[in-house]
Amino acid sequence: MQTDPPPLIPMEHAAASSVPFAFLPFFLSLCSAFYIATIMSLVCIKHRVLEFNLE
């Protein structure tokens, strides 16, 4: 008679597979923060270079 595997294994697998989804909002917010900071710094540098060239 074949016994079914304990239900612990699929539950652990489901928990392990849902870990990236738990970190996804944090990862997206981190990426967007870096993206915005990079764009803002580039805009500021460009603005300063233009001001320097105008003087």
PDB file of N, CA and C in Angstrom:
ATOM      1  N   MET A   1       0.849  -1.192   0.000  1.00  0.00           N
ATOM      2  CA  MET A   1       0.000   0.000   0.000  1.00  0.00           C
ATOM      3  C   MET A   1       0.894   1.255   0.000  1.00  0.00           C
ATOM      4  N   GLN A   2       0.622   2.139  -0.948  1.00  0.00           N
ATOM      5  CA  GLN A   2       1.445   3.352  -1.065  1.00  0.00           C
ATOM      6  C   GLN A   2       0.897   4.442  -0.146  1.00  0.00           C
ATOM      7  N   THR A   3       1.795   5.014   0.629  1.00  0.00           N
ATOM      8  CA  THR A   3       1.365   6.088   1.540  1.00  0.00           C
ATOM      9  C   THR A   3       1.621   7.439   0.883  1.00  0.00           C
ATOM     10  N   ASP A   4       0.737   8.366   1.133  1.00  0.00           N
ATOM     11  CA  ASP A   4       0.902   9.706   0.583  1.00  0.00           C
ATOM     12  C   ASP A   4       2.019  10.433   1.326  1.00  0.00           C
ATOM     13  N   PRO A   5       2.747  11.302   0.649  1.00  0.00           N
ATOM     14  CA  PRO A   5       3.784  12.075   1.351  1.00  0.00           C
ATOM     15  C   PRO A   5       3.136  13.035   2.345  1.00  0.00           C
ATOM     16  N   PRO A   6       3.835  13.376   3.393  1.00  0.00           N
ATOM     17  CA  PRO A   6       3.245  14.285   4.380  1.00  0.00           C
ATOM     18  C   PRO A   6       2.966  15.654   3.758  1.00  0.00           C
ATOM     19  N   PRO A   7       1.922  16.336   4.175  1.00  0.00           N
ATOM     20  CA  PRO A   7       1.566  17.627   3.563  1.00  0.00           C
ATOM     21  C   PRO A   7       2.554  18.739   3.898  1.00  0.00           C
ATOM     22  N   LEU A   8       3.567  18.449   4.706  1.00  0.00           N
ATOM     23  CA  LEU A   8       4.549  19.462   5.100  1.00  0.00           C
ATOM     24  C   LEU A   8       5.394  19.897   3.898  1.00  0.00           C
ATOM     25  N   ILE A   9       5.714  18.952   3.004  1.00  0.00           N
ATOM     26  CA  ILE A   9       6.615  19.249   1.886  1.00  0.00           C
ATOM     27  C   ILE A   9       5.983  20.260   0.911  1.00  0.00           C
ATOM     28  N   PRO A  10       4.732  20.058   0.447  1.00  0.00           N
ATOM     29  CA  PRO A  10       4.168  21.064  -0.451  1.00  0.00           C
ATOM     30  C   PRO A  10       3.966  22.414   0.231  1.00  0.00           C
ATOM     31  N   MET A  11       3.661  22.411   1.534  1.00  0.00           N
ATOM     32  CA  MET A  11       3.491  23.672   2.246  1.00  0.00           C
ATOM     33  C   MET A  11       4.817  24.425   2.304  1.00  0.00           C
ATOM     34  N   GLU A  12       5.911  23.711   2.576  1.00  0.00           N
ATOM     35  CA  GLU A  12       7.227  24.350   2.605  1.00  0.00           C
ATOM     36  C   GLU A  12       7.581  24.880   1.214  1.00  0.00           C
ATOM     37  N   HIS A  13       7.252  24.095   0.199  1.00  0.00           N
ATOM     38  CA  HIS A  13       7.546  24.521  -1.168  1.00  0.00           C
ATOM     39  C   HIS A  13       6.755  25.784  -1.516  1.00  0.00           C
ATOM     40  N   ALA A  14       5.492  25.833  -1.103  1.00  0.00           N
ATOM     41  CA  ALA A  14       4.667  27.005  -1.381  1.00  0.00           C
ATOM     42  C   ALA A  14       5.215  28.222  -0.641  1.00  0.00           C
ATOM     43  N   ALA A  15       5.645  28.024   0.605  1.00  0.00           N
ATOM     44  CA  ALA A  15       6.192  29.138   1.377  1.00  0.00           C
ATOM     45  C   ALA A  15       7.495  29.622   0.738  1.00  0.00           C
ATOM     46  N   ALA A  16       8.325  28.689   0.287  1.00  0.00           N
ATOM     47  CA  ALA A  16       9.601  29.063  -0.323  1.00  0.00           C
ATOM     48  C   ALA A  16       9.363  29.790  -1.650  1.00  0.00           C
ATOM     49  N   SER A  17       8.340  29.372  -2.393  1.00  0.00           N
ATOM     50  CA  SER A  17       8.088  30.012  -3.681  1.00  0.00           C
ATOM     51  C   SER A  17       7.418  31.369  -3.505  1.00  0.00           C
ATOM     52  N   SER A  18       6.789  31.620  -2.352  1.00  0.00           N
ATOM     53  CA  SER A  18       6.136  32.912  -2.144  1.00  0.00           C
ATOM     54  C   SER A  18       7.073  33.925  -1.507  1.00  0.00           C
ATOM     55  N   VAL A  19       8.303  33.511  -1.179  1.00  0.00           N
ATOM     56  CA  VAL A  19       9.245  34.450  -0.561  1.00  0.00           C
ATOM     57  C   VAL A  19       9.597  35.597  -1.510  1.00  0.00           C
ATOM     58  N   PRO A  20       9.917  35.358  -2.804  1.00  0.00           N
ATOM     59  CA  PRO A  20      10.225  36.485  -3.687  1.00  0.00           C
ATOM     60  C   PRO A  20       9.063  37.460  -3.820  1.00  0.00           C
ATOM     61  N   PHE A  21       7.821  36.960  -3.779  1.00  0.00           N
ATOM     62  CA  PHE A  21       6.669  37.848  -3.888  1.00  0.00           C
ATOM     63  C   PHE A  21       6.549  38.733  -2.654  1.00  0.00           C
ATOM     64  N   ALA A  22       7.033  38.248  -1.511  1.00  0.00           N
ATOM     65  CA  ALA A  22       7.006  39.069  -0.302  1.00  0.00           C
ATOM     66  C   ALA A  22       8.026  40.196  -0.406  1.00  0.00           C
ATOM     67  N   PHE A  23       9.163  39.926  -1.060  1.00  0.00           N
ATOM     68  CA  PHE A  23      10.206  40.941  -1.194  1.00  0.00           C
ATOM     69  C   PHE A  23      10.017  41.821  -2.424  1.00  0.00           C
ATOM     70  N   LEU A  24       9.035  41.492  -3.264  1.00  0.00           N
ATOM     71  CA  LEU A  24       8.858  42.228  -4.516  1.00  0.00           C
ATOM     72  C   LEU A  24       8.536  43.709  -4.306  1.00  0.00           C
ATOM     73  N   PRO A  25       7.598  44.080  -3.424  1.00  0.00           N
ATOM     74  CA  PRO A  25       7.326  45.517  -3.237  1.00  0.00           C
ATOM     75  C   PRO A  25       8.550  46.279  -2.740  1.00  0.00           C
ATOM     76  N   PHE A  26       9.289  45.673  -1.799  1.00  0.00           N
ATOM     77  CA  PHE A  26      10.504  46.314  -1.287  1.00  0.00           C
ATOM     78  C   PHE A  26      11.520  46.493  -2.413  1.00  0.00           C
ATOM     79  N   PHE A  27      11.680  45.448  -3.228  1.00  0.00           N
ATOM     80  CA  PHE A  27      12.631  45.499  -4.342  1.00  0.00           C
ATOM     81  C   PHE A  27      12.223  46.575  -5.349  1.00  0.00           C
ATOM     82  N   LEU A  28      10.920  46.634  -5.653  1.00  0.00           N
ATOM     83  CA  LEU A  28      10.448  47.629  -6.614  1.00  0.00           C
ATOM     84  C   LEU A  28      10.619  49.042  -6.080  1.00  0.00           C
ATOM     85  N   SER A  29      10.337  49.237  -4.793  1.00  0.00           N
ATOM     86  CA  SER A  29      10.493  50.579  -4.224  1.00  0.00           C
ATOM     87  C   SER A  29      11.965  50.979  -4.216  1.00  0.00           C
ATOM     88  N   LEU A  30      12.844  50.009  -3.919  1.00  0.00           N
ATOM     89  CA  LEU A  30      14.280  50.293  -3.913  1.00  0.00           C
ATOM     90  C   LEU A  30      14.746  50.670  -5.320  1.00  0.00           C
ATOM     91  N   CYS A  31      14.303  49.902  -6.309  1.00  0.00           N
ATOM     92  CA  CYS A  31      14.698  50.178  -7.695  1.00  0.00           C
ATOM     93  C   CYS A  31      14.175  51.536  -8.145  1.00  0.00           C
ATOM     94  N   SER A  32      12.922  51.841  -7.807  1.00  0.00           N
ATOM     95  CA  SER A  32      12.363  53.126  -8.226  1.00  0.00           C
ATOM     96  C   SER A  32      13.085  54.272  -7.533  1.00  0.00           C
ATOM     97  N   ALA A  33      13.476  54.079  -6.267  1.00  0.00           N
ATOM     98  CA  ALA A  33      14.204  55.132  -5.550  1.00  0.00           C
ATOM     99  C   ALA A  33      15.557  55.386  -6.212  1.00  0.00           C
ATOM    100  N   PHE A  34      16.270  54.313  -6.565  1.00  0.00           N
ATOM    101  CA  PHE A  34      17.559  54.480  -7.243  1.00  0.00           C
ATOM    102  C   PHE A  34      17.372  55.124  -8.618  1.00  0.00           C
ATOM    103  N   TYR A  35      16.311  54.715  -9.318  1.00  0.00           N
ATOM    104  CA  TYR A  35      16.021  55.250 -10.647  1.00  0.00           C
ATOM    105  C   TYR A  35      15.753  56.750 -10.570  1.00  0.00           C
ATOM    106  N   ILE A  36      14.900  57.147  -9.619  1.00  0.00           N
ATOM    107  CA  ILE A  36      14.557  58.562  -9.469  1.00  0.00           C
ATOM    108  C   ILE A  36      15.789  59.360  -9.048  1.00  0.00           C
ATOM    109  N   ALA A  37      16.583  58.807  -8.118  1.00  0.00           N
ATOM    110  CA  ALA A  37      17.778  59.517  -7.650  1.00  0.00           C
ATOM    111  C   ALA A  37      18.771  59.705  -8.796  1.00  0.00           C
ATOM    112  N   THR A  38      18.920  58.682  -9.631  1.00  0.00           N
ATOM    113  CA  THR A  38      19.842  58.790 -10.766  1.00  0.00           C
ATOM    114  C   THR A  38      19.380  59.862 -11.740  1.00  0.00           C
ATOM    115  N   ILE A  39      18.093  59.861 -12.065  1.00  0.00           N
ATOM    116  CA  ILE A  39      17.567  60.855 -13.008  1.00  0.00           C
ATOM    117  C   ILE A  39      17.708  62.264 -12.433  1.00  0.00           C
ATOM    118  N   MET A  40      17.383  62.417 -11.141  1.00  0.00           N
ATOM    119  CA  MET A  40      17.478  63.740 -10.522  1.00  0.00           C
ATOM    120  C   MET A  40      18.921  64.233 -10.511  1.00  0.00           C
ATOM    121  N   SER A  41      19.859  63.339 -10.199  1.00  0.00           N
ATOM    122  CA  SER A  41      21.266  63.760 -10.170  1.00  0.00           C
ATOM    123  C   SER A  41      21.739  64.135 -11.573  1.00  0.00           C
ATOM    124  N   LEU A  42      21.311  63.375 -12.582  1.00  0.00           N
ATOM    125  CA  LEU A  42      21.697  63.719 -13.953  1.00  0.00           C
ATOM    126  C   LEU A  42      21.115  65.064 -14.361  1.00  0.00           C
ATOM    127  N   VAL A  43      19.864  65.319 -13.973  1.00  0.00           N
ATOM    128  CA  VAL A  43      19.235  66.599 -14.310  1.00  0.00           C
ATOM    129  C   VAL A  43      19.968  67.743 -13.616  1.00  0.00           C
ATOM    130  N   CYS A  44      20.331  67.540 -12.341  1.00  0.00           N
ATOM    131  CA  CYS A  44      21.047  68.591 -11.605  1.00  0.00           C
ATOM    132  C   CYS A  44      22.416  68.855 -12.231  1.00  0.00           C
ATOM    133  N   ILE A  45      23.123  67.784 -12.602  1.00  0.00           N
ATOM    134  CA  ILE A  45      24.444  67.948 -13.223  1.00  0.00           C
ATOM    135  C   ILE A  45      24.306  68.688 -14.554  1.00  0.00           C
ATOM    136  N   LYS A  46      23.306  68.305 -15.346  1.00  0.00           N
ATOM    137  CA  LYS A  46      23.091  68.961 -16.634  1.00  0.00           C
ATOM    138  C   LYS A  46      22.765  70.438 -16.424  1.00  0.00           C
ATOM    139  N   HIS A  47      21.928  70.725 -15.428  1.00  0.00           N
ATOM    140  CA  HIS A  47      21.555  72.107 -15.144  1.00  0.00           C
ATOM    141  C   HIS A  47      22.778  72.917 -14.720  1.00  0.00           C
ATOM    142  N   ARG A  48      23.621  72.340 -13.873  1.00  0.00           N
ATOM    143  CA  ARG A  48      24.828  73.049 -13.429  1.00  0.00           C
ATOM    144  C   ARG A  48      25.790  73.276 -14.595  1.00  0.00           C
ATOM    145  N   VAL A  49      25.926  72.274 -15.457  1.00  0.00           N
ATOM    146  CA  VAL A  49      26.819  72.428 -16.613  1.00  0.00           C
ATOM    147  C   VAL A  49      26.302  73.532 -17.527  1.00  0.00           C
ATOM    148  N   LEU A  50      24.983  73.581 -17.733  1.00  0.00           N
ATOM    149  CA  LEU A  50      24.414  74.635 -18.576  1.00  0.00           C
ATOM    150  C   LEU A  50      24.627  76.005 -17.942  1.00  0.00           C
ATOM    151  N   GLU A  51      24.439  76.114 -16.615  1.00  0.00           N
ATOM    152  CA  GLU A  51      24.671  77.390 -15.930  1.00  0.00           C
ATOM    153  C   GLU A  51      26.137  77.800 -16.062  1.00  0.00           C
ATOM    154  N   PHE A  52      27.033  76.831 -15.907  1.00  0.00           N
ATOM    155  CA  PHE A  52      28.467  77.129 -15.998  1.00  0.00           C
ATOM    156  C   PHE A  52      28.832  77.596 -17.406  1.00  0.00           C
ATOM    157  N   ASN A  53      28.213  76.991 -18.416  1.00  0.00           N
ATOM    158  CA  ASN A  53      28.510  77.381 -19.797  1.00  0.00           C
ATOM    159  C   ASN A  53      27.940  78.758 -20.120  1.00  0.00           C
ATOM    160  N   LEU A  54      26.846  79.139 -19.482  1.00  0.00           N
ATOM    161  CA  LEU A  54      26.241  80.438 -19.749  1.00  0.00           C
ATOM    162  C   LEU A  54      27.068  81.574 -19.152  1.00  0.00           C
ATOM    163  N   GLU A  55      27.788  81.316 -18.080  1.00  0.00           N
ATOM    164  CA  GLU A  55      28.561  82.381 -17.427  1.00  0.00           C
ATOM    165  C   GLU A  55      29.824  82.733 -18.213  1.00  0.00           C
TER     166      GLU A  55
END
